[in-house]
Amino acid sequence: MSRIARIVLVVVGVVVLVVGAVFAGQGLNLIPGSSMTGDRMWFYIGAIMVIVGIILIVLGARRSADSRGRR
């Protein structure tokens, strides 16, 4: 995987993680001011997004470490 692809993977992972954390916070009624506030469904969607974001970040970082060892 190219260096740019790894960077994109990590950046997308961070964005998904942050958006998921906001969704989860709204679902748990920690972040008020939206129709999502207090709705448990958004907590579950956010939690899944956080997990996906972490996986993307790890995959991007792992590929970077693997390719350094091969050179």
PDB file of N, CA and C in Angstrom:
ATOM      1  N   MET A   1       0.851  -1.173   0.000  1.00  0.00           N
ATOM      2  CA  MET A   1       0.000   0.000   0.000  1.00  0.00           C
ATOM      3  C   MET A   1       0.897   1.235   0.000  1.00  0.00           C
ATOM      4  N   SER A   2       0.538   2.218  -0.789  1.00  0.00           N
ATOM      5  CA  SER A   2       1.364   3.416  -0.898  1.00  0.00           C
ATOM      6  C   SER A   2       1.252   4.271   0.365  1.00  0.00           C
ATOM      7  N   ARG A   3       2.206   5.153   0.492  1.00  0.00           N
ATOM      8  CA  ARG A   3       2.249   6.037   1.663  1.00  0.00           C
ATOM      9  C   ARG A   3       1.015   6.927   1.705  1.00  0.00           C
ATOM     10  N   ILE A   4       0.600   7.436   0.558  1.00  0.00           N
ATOM     11  CA  ILE A   4      -0.574   8.309   0.505  1.00  0.00           C
ATOM     12  C   ILE A   4      -1.830   7.541   0.905  1.00  0.00           C
ATOM     13  N   ALA A   5      -1.963   6.315   0.461  1.00  0.00           N
ATOM     14  CA  ALA A   5      -3.125   5.499   0.818  1.00  0.00           C
ATOM     15  C   ALA A   5      -3.165   5.247   2.321  1.00  0.00           C
ATOM     16  N   ARG A   6      -2.003   5.019   2.925  1.00  0.00           N
ATOM     17  CA  ARG A   6      -1.961   4.805   4.377  1.00  0.00           C
ATOM     18  C   ARG A   6      -2.367   6.075   5.121  1.00  0.00           C
ATOM     19  N   ILE A   7      -1.900   7.221   4.634  1.00  0.00           N
ATOM     20  CA  ILE A   7      -2.254   8.490   5.279  1.00  0.00           C
ATOM     21  C   ILE A   7      -3.759   8.734   5.168  1.00  0.00           C
ATOM     22  N   VAL A   8      -4.314   8.471   3.977  1.00  0.00           N
ATOM     23  CA  VAL A   8      -5.755   8.641   3.779  1.00  0.00           C
ATOM     24  C   VAL A   8      -6.530   7.713   4.710  1.00  0.00           C
ATOM     25  N   LEU A   9      -6.082   6.490   4.857  1.00  0.00           N
ATOM     26  CA  LEU A   9      -6.737   5.527   5.744  1.00  0.00           C
ATOM     27  C   LEU A   9      -6.755   6.034   7.178  1.00  0.00           C
ATOM     28  N   VAL A  10      -5.645   6.573   7.637  1.00  0.00           N
ATOM     29  CA  VAL A  10      -5.573   7.089   9.009  1.00  0.00           C
ATOM     30  C   VAL A  10      -6.456   8.323   9.167  1.00  0.00           C
ATOM     31  N   VAL A  11      -6.427   9.228   8.194  1.00  0.00           N
ATOM     32  CA  VAL A  11      -7.242  10.450   8.281  1.00  0.00           C
ATOM     33  C   VAL A  11      -8.729  10.102   8.284  1.00  0.00           C
ATOM     34  N   VAL A  12      -9.141   9.213   7.403  1.00  0.00           N
ATOM     35  CA  VAL A  12     -10.548   8.791   7.371  1.00  0.00           C
ATOM     36  C   VAL A  12     -10.917   8.115   8.694  1.00  0.00           C
ATOM     37  N   GLY A  13     -10.017   7.305   9.232  1.00  0.00           N
ATOM     38  CA  GLY A  13     -10.260   6.662  10.514  1.00  0.00           C
ATOM     39  C   GLY A  13     -10.464   7.664  11.639  1.00  0.00           C
ATOM     40  N   VAL A  14      -9.657   8.710  11.658  1.00  0.00           N
ATOM     41  CA  VAL A  14      -9.788   9.742  12.691  1.00  0.00           C
ATOM     42  C   VAL A  14     -11.123  10.475  12.555  1.00  0.00           C
ATOM     43  N   VAL A  15     -11.499  10.800  11.318  1.00  0.00           N
ATOM     44  CA  VAL A  15     -12.778  11.496  11.097  1.00  0.00           C
ATOM     45  C   VAL A  15     -13.945  10.616  11.539  1.00  0.00           C
ATOM     46  N   VAL A  16     -13.931   9.346  11.156  1.00  0.00           N
ATOM     47  CA  VAL A  16     -15.004   8.421  11.543  1.00  0.00           C
ATOM     48  C   VAL A  16     -15.048   8.283  13.062  1.00  0.00           C
ATOM     49  N   LEU A  17     -13.899   8.195  13.698  1.00  0.00           N
ATOM     50  CA  LEU A  17     -13.839   8.075  15.158  1.00  0.00           C
ATOM     51  C   LEU A  17     -14.434   9.309  15.832  1.00  0.00           C
ATOM     52  N   VAL A  18     -14.068  10.499  15.375  1.00  0.00           N
ATOM     53  CA  VAL A  18     -14.569  11.731  15.998  1.00  0.00           C
ATOM     54  C   VAL A  18     -16.076  11.878  15.791  1.00  0.00           C
ATOM     55  N   VAL A  19     -16.547  11.636  14.572  1.00  0.00           N
ATOM     56  CA  VAL A  19     -17.987  11.738  14.305  1.00  0.00           C
ATOM     57  C   VAL A  19     -18.740  10.693  15.133  1.00  0.00           C
ATOM     58  N   GLY A  20     -18.198   9.492  15.222  1.00  0.00           N
ATOM     59  CA  GLY A  20     -18.826   8.456  16.034  1.00  0.00           C
ATOM     60  C   GLY A  20     -18.880   8.835  17.503  1.00  0.00           C
ATOM     61  N   ALA A  21     -17.833   9.468  18.001  1.00  0.00           N
ATOM     62  CA  ALA A  21     -17.820   9.906  19.398  1.00  0.00           C
ATOM     63  C   ALA A  21     -18.884  10.979  19.640  1.00  0.00           C
ATOM     64  N   VAL A  22     -19.064  11.882  18.679  1.00  0.00           N
ATOM     65  CA  VAL A  22     -20.116  12.903  18.801  1.00  0.00           C
ATOM     66  C   VAL A  22     -21.487  12.238  18.787  1.00  0.00           C
ATOM     67  N   PHE A  23     -21.698  11.316  17.865  1.00  0.00           N
ATOM     68  CA  PHE A  23     -22.980  10.604  17.814  1.00  0.00           C
ATOM     69  C   PHE A  23     -23.254   9.885  19.136  1.00  0.00           C
ATOM     70  N   ALA A  24     -22.240   9.197  19.654  1.00  0.00           N
ATOM     71  CA  ALA A  24     -22.413   8.469  20.911  1.00  0.00           C
ATOM     72  C   ALA A  24     -22.704   9.434  22.054  1.00  0.00           C
ATOM     73  N   GLY A  25     -21.998  10.554  22.083  1.00  0.00           N
ATOM     74  CA  GLY A  25     -22.247  11.544  23.128  1.00  0.00           C
ATOM     75  C   GLY A  25     -23.651  12.114  23.059  1.00  0.00           C
ATOM     76  N   GLN A  26     -24.147  12.352  21.864  1.00  0.00           N
ATOM     77  CA  GLN A  26     -25.513  12.834  21.724  1.00  0.00           C
ATOM     78  C   GLN A  26     -26.516  11.754  22.111  1.00  0.00           C
ATOM     79  N   GLY A  27     -26.228  10.530  21.741  1.00  0.00           N
ATOM     80  CA  GLY A  27     -27.124   9.435  22.098  1.00  0.00           C
ATOM     81  C   GLY A  27     -27.215   9.214  23.597  1.00  0.00           C
ATOM     82  N   LEU A  28     -26.120   9.510  24.298  1.00  0.00           N
ATOM     83  CA  LEU A  28     -26.113   9.366  25.762  1.00  0.00           C
ATOM     84  C   LEU A  28     -26.565  10.642  26.476  1.00  0.00           C
ATOM     85  N   ASN A  29     -27.024  11.627  25.705  1.00  0.00           N
ATOM     86  CA  ASN A  29     -27.508  12.890  26.258  1.00  0.00           C
ATOM     87  C   ASN A  29     -26.389  13.710  26.907  1.00  0.00           C
ATOM     88  N   LEU A  30     -25.161  13.513  26.467  1.00  0.00           N
ATOM     89  CA  LEU A  30     -24.030  14.284  26.978  1.00  0.00           C
ATOM     90  C   LEU A  30     -23.806  15.552  26.168  1.00  0.00           C
ATOM     91  N   ILE A  31     -24.249  15.555  24.911  1.00  0.00           N
ATOM     92  CA  ILE A  31     -24.116  16.705  24.023  1.00  0.00           C
ATOM     93  C   ILE A  31     -25.528  17.107  23.597  1.00  0.00           C
ATOM     94  N   PRO A  32     -26.080  18.154  24.204  1.00  0.00           N
ATOM     95  CA  PRO A  32     -27.458  18.546  23.899  1.00  0.00           C
ATOM     96  C   PRO A  32     -27.563  19.380  22.623  1.00  0.00           C
ATOM     97  N   GLY A  33     -28.809  19.589  22.175  1.00  0.00           N
ATOM     98  CA  GLY A  33     -29.067  20.515  21.095  1.00  0.00           C
ATOM     99  C   GLY A  33     -29.337  19.899  19.743  1.00  0.00           C
ATOM    100  N   SER A  34     -29.740  18.660  19.711  1.00  0.00           N
ATOM    101  CA  SER A  34     -29.989  17.995  18.441  1.00  0.00           C
ATOM    102  C   SER A  34     -31.161  17.040  18.601  1.00  0.00           C
ATOM    103  N   SER A  35     -31.730  16.639  17.475  1.00  0.00           N
ATOM    104  CA  SER A  35     -32.809  15.646  17.545  1.00  0.00           C
ATOM    105  C   SER A  35     -32.257  14.273  17.929  1.00  0.00           C
ATOM    106  N   MET A  36     -30.930  14.118  17.855  1.00  0.00           N
ATOM    107  CA  MET A  36     -30.299  12.849  18.219  1.00  0.00           C
ATOM    108  C   MET A  36     -30.086  12.738  19.727  1.00  0.00           C
ATOM    109  N   THR A  37     -30.196  13.869  20.448  1.00  0.00           N
ATOM    110  CA  THR A  37     -29.916  13.897  21.878  1.00  0.00           C
ATOM    111  C   THR A  37     -30.867  12.985  22.639  1.00  0.00           C
ATOM    112  N   GLY A  38     -30.287  12.106  23.416  1.00  0.00           N
ATOM    113  CA  GLY A  38     -31.072  11.207  24.263  1.00  0.00           C
ATOM    114  C   GLY A  38     -31.613   9.985  23.549  1.00  0.00           C
ATOM    115  N   ASP A  39     -31.342   9.819  22.272  1.00  0.00           N
ATOM    116  CA  ASP A  39     -31.835   8.666  21.509  1.00  0.00           C
ATOM    117  C   ASP A  39     -30.754   7.588  21.513  1.00  0.00           C
ATOM    118  N   ARG A  40     -31.013   6.473  22.180  1.00  0.00           N
ATOM    119  CA  ARG A  40     -30.021   5.405  22.339  1.00  0.00           C
ATOM    120  C   ARG A  40     -29.531   4.838  21.014  1.00  0.00           C
ATOM    121  N   MET A  41     -30.364   4.889  19.983  1.00  0.00           N
ATOM    122  CA  MET A  41     -29.953   4.371  18.680  1.00  0.00           C
ATOM    123  C   MET A  41     -28.676   5.077  18.221  1.00  0.00           C
ATOM    124  N   TRP A  42     -28.557   6.387  18.459  1.00  0.00           N
ATOM    125  CA  TRP A  42     -27.375   7.129  18.033  1.00  0.00           C
ATOM    126  C   TRP A  42     -26.148   6.759  18.849  1.00  0.00           C
ATOM    127  N   PHE A  43     -26.360   6.338  20.088  1.00  0.00           N
ATOM    128  CA  PHE A  43     -25.233   5.838  20.869  1.00  0.00           C
ATOM    129  C   PHE A  43     -24.663   4.581  20.224  1.00  0.00           C
ATOM    130  N   TYR A  44     -25.533   3.669  19.830  1.00  0.00           N
ATOM    131  CA  TYR A  44     -25.071   2.416  19.219  1.00  0.00           C
ATOM    132  C   TYR A  44     -24.407   2.668  17.861  1.00  0.00           C
ATOM    133  N   ILE A  45     -24.999   3.537  17.059  1.00  0.00           N
ATOM    134  CA  ILE A  45     -24.386   3.881  15.776  1.00  0.00           C
ATOM    135  C   ILE A  45     -23.017   4.515  16.012  1.00  0.00           C
ATOM    136  N   GLY A  46     -22.940   5.432  16.967  1.00  0.00           N
ATOM    137  CA  GLY A  46     -21.675   6.086  17.292  1.00  0.00           C
ATOM    138  C   GLY A  46     -20.629   5.118  17.796  1.00  0.00           C
ATOM    139  N   ALA A  47     -21.037   4.178  18.640  1.00  0.00           N
ATOM    140  CA  ALA A  47     -20.094   3.192  19.169  1.00  0.00           C
ATOM    141  C   ALA A  47     -19.518   2.335  18.037  1.00  0.00           C
ATOM    142  N   ILE A  48     -20.362   1.944  17.104  1.00  0.00           N
ATOM    143  CA  ILE A  48     -19.886   1.163  15.956  1.00  0.00           C
ATOM    144  C   ILE A  48     -18.919   1.993  15.118  1.00  0.00           C
ATOM    145  N   MET A  49     -19.234   3.267  14.922  1.00  0.00           N
ATOM    146  CA  MET A  49     -18.352   4.140  14.141  1.00  0.00           C
ATOM    147  C   MET A  49     -17.001   4.318  14.831  1.00  0.00           C
ATOM    148  N   VAL A  50     -17.001   4.437  16.152  1.00  0.00           N
ATOM    149  CA  VAL A  50     -15.742   4.560  16.895  1.00  0.00           C
ATOM    150  C   VAL A  50     -14.888   3.315  16.679  1.00  0.00           C
ATOM    151  N   ILE A  51     -15.497   2.146  16.759  1.00  0.00           N
ATOM    152  CA  ILE A  51     -14.765   0.895  16.555  1.00  0.00           C
ATOM    153  C   ILE A  51     -14.203   0.828  15.134  1.00  0.00           C
ATOM    154  N   VAL A  52     -15.018   1.195  14.145  1.00  0.00           N
ATOM    155  CA  VAL A  52     -14.549   1.190  12.751  1.00  0.00           C
ATOM    156  C   VAL A  52     -13.402   2.186  12.568  1.00  0.00           C
ATOM    157  N   GLY A  53     -13.521   3.353  13.180  1.00  0.00           N
ATOM    158  CA  GLY A  53     -12.463   4.354  13.097  1.00  0.00           C
ATOM    159  C   GLY A  53     -11.154   3.851  13.677  1.00  0.00           C
ATOM    160  N   ILE A  54     -11.227   3.187  14.818  1.00  0.00           N
ATOM    161  CA  ILE A  54     -10.026   2.625  15.444  1.00  0.00           C
ATOM    162  C   ILE A  54      -9.398   1.566  14.543  1.00  0.00           C
ATOM    163  N   ILE A  55     -10.227   0.727  13.958  1.00  0.00           N
ATOM    164  CA  ILE A  55      -9.712  -0.309  13.057  1.00  0.00           C
ATOM    165  C   ILE A  55      -9.000   0.322  11.862  1.00  0.00           C
ATOM    166  N   LEU A  56      -9.589   1.360  11.276  1.00  0.00           N
ATOM    167  CA  LEU A  56      -8.965   2.023  10.124  1.00  0.00           C
ATOM    168  C   LEU A  56      -7.623   2.654  10.513  1.00  0.00           C
ATOM    169  N   ILE A  57      -7.577   3.285  11.676  1.00  0.00           N
ATOM    170  CA  ILE A  57      -6.331   3.898  12.139  1.00  0.00           C
ATOM    171  C   ILE A  57      -5.259   2.839  12.345  1.00  0.00           C
ATOM    172  N   VAL A  58      -5.623   1.745  12.981  1.00  0.00           N
ATOM    173  CA  VAL A  58      -4.654   0.671  13.237  1.00  0.00           C
ATOM    174  C   VAL A  58      -4.166   0.073  11.919  1.00  0.00           C
ATOM    175  N   LEU A  59      -5.071  -0.161  10.974  1.00  0.00           N
ATOM    176  CA  LEU A  59      -4.665  -0.716   9.681  1.00  0.00           C
ATOM    177  C   LEU A  59      -3.711   0.225   8.951  1.00  0.00           C
ATOM    178  N   GLY A  60      -4.004   1.512   8.986  1.00  0.00           N
ATOM    179  CA  GLY A  60      -3.127   2.482   8.340  1.00  0.00           C
ATOM    180  C   GLY A  60      -1.766   2.550   9.007  1.00  0.00           C
ATOM    181  N   ALA A  61      -1.751   2.522  10.318  1.00  0.00           N
ATOM    182  CA  ALA A  61      -0.484   2.577  11.054  1.00  0.00           C
ATOM    183  C   ALA A  61       0.284   1.270  10.899  1.00  0.00           C
ATOM    184  N   ARG A  62      -0.396   0.143  10.914  1.00  0.00           N
ATOM    185  CA  ARG A  62       0.265  -1.158  10.796  1.00  0.00           C
ATOM    186  C   ARG A  62       0.912  -1.310   9.435  1.00  0.00           C
ATOM    187  N   ARG A  63       0.226  -0.917   8.402  1.00  0.00           N
ATOM    188  CA  ARG A  63       0.795  -0.997   7.048  1.00  0.00           C
ATOM    189  C   ARG A  63       2.062  -0.165   6.971  1.00  0.00           C
ATOM    190  N   SER A  64       2.054   0.962   7.631  1.00  0.00           N
ATOM    191  CA  SER A  64       3.223   1.836   7.628  1.00  0.00           C
ATOM    192  C   SER A  64       4.405   1.148   8.308  1.00  0.00           C
ATOM    193  N   ALA A  65       4.175   0.506   9.427  1.00  0.00           N
ATOM    194  CA  ALA A  65       5.236  -0.178  10.150  1.00  0.00           C
ATOM    195  C   ALA A  65       5.735  -1.394   9.360  1.00  0.00           C
ATOM    196  N   ASP A  66       4.818  -2.133   8.712  1.00  0.00           N
ATOM    197  CA  ASP A  66       5.213  -3.309   7.926  1.00  0.00           C
ATOM    198  C   ASP A  66       6.110  -2.909   6.743  1.00  0.00           C
ATOM    199  N   SER A  67       5.727  -1.848   6.057  1.00  0.00           N
ATOM    200  CA  SER A  67       6.483  -1.469   4.874  1.00  0.00           C
ATOM    201  C   SER A  67       7.865  -0.946   5.248  1.00  0.00           C
ATOM    202  N   ARG A  68       8.031  -0.385   6.426  1.00  0.00           N
ATOM    203  CA  ARG A  68       9.361   0.070   6.851  1.00  0.00           C
ATOM    204  C   ARG A  68      10.289  -1.114   7.075  1.00  0.00           C
ATOM    205  N   GLY A  69       9.739  -2.218   7.550  1.00  0.00           N
ATOM    206  CA  GLY A  69      10.563  -3.399   7.810  1.00  0.00           C
ATOM    207  C   GLY A  69      11.003  -4.108   6.535  1.00  0.00           C
ATOM    208  N   ARG A  70      10.275  -3.926   5.456  1.00  0.00           N
ATOM    209  CA  ARG A  70      10.580  -4.607   4.193  1.00  0.00           C
ATOM    210  C   ARG A  70      11.654  -3.905   3.379  1.00  0.00           C
ATOM    211  N   ARG A  71      11.856  -2.634   3.607  1.00  0.00           N
ATOM    212  CA  ARG A  71      12.799  -1.876   2.780  1.00  0.00           C
ATOM    213  C   ARG A  71      14.194  -2.235   3.058  1.00  0.00           C
TER     214      ARG A  71
END
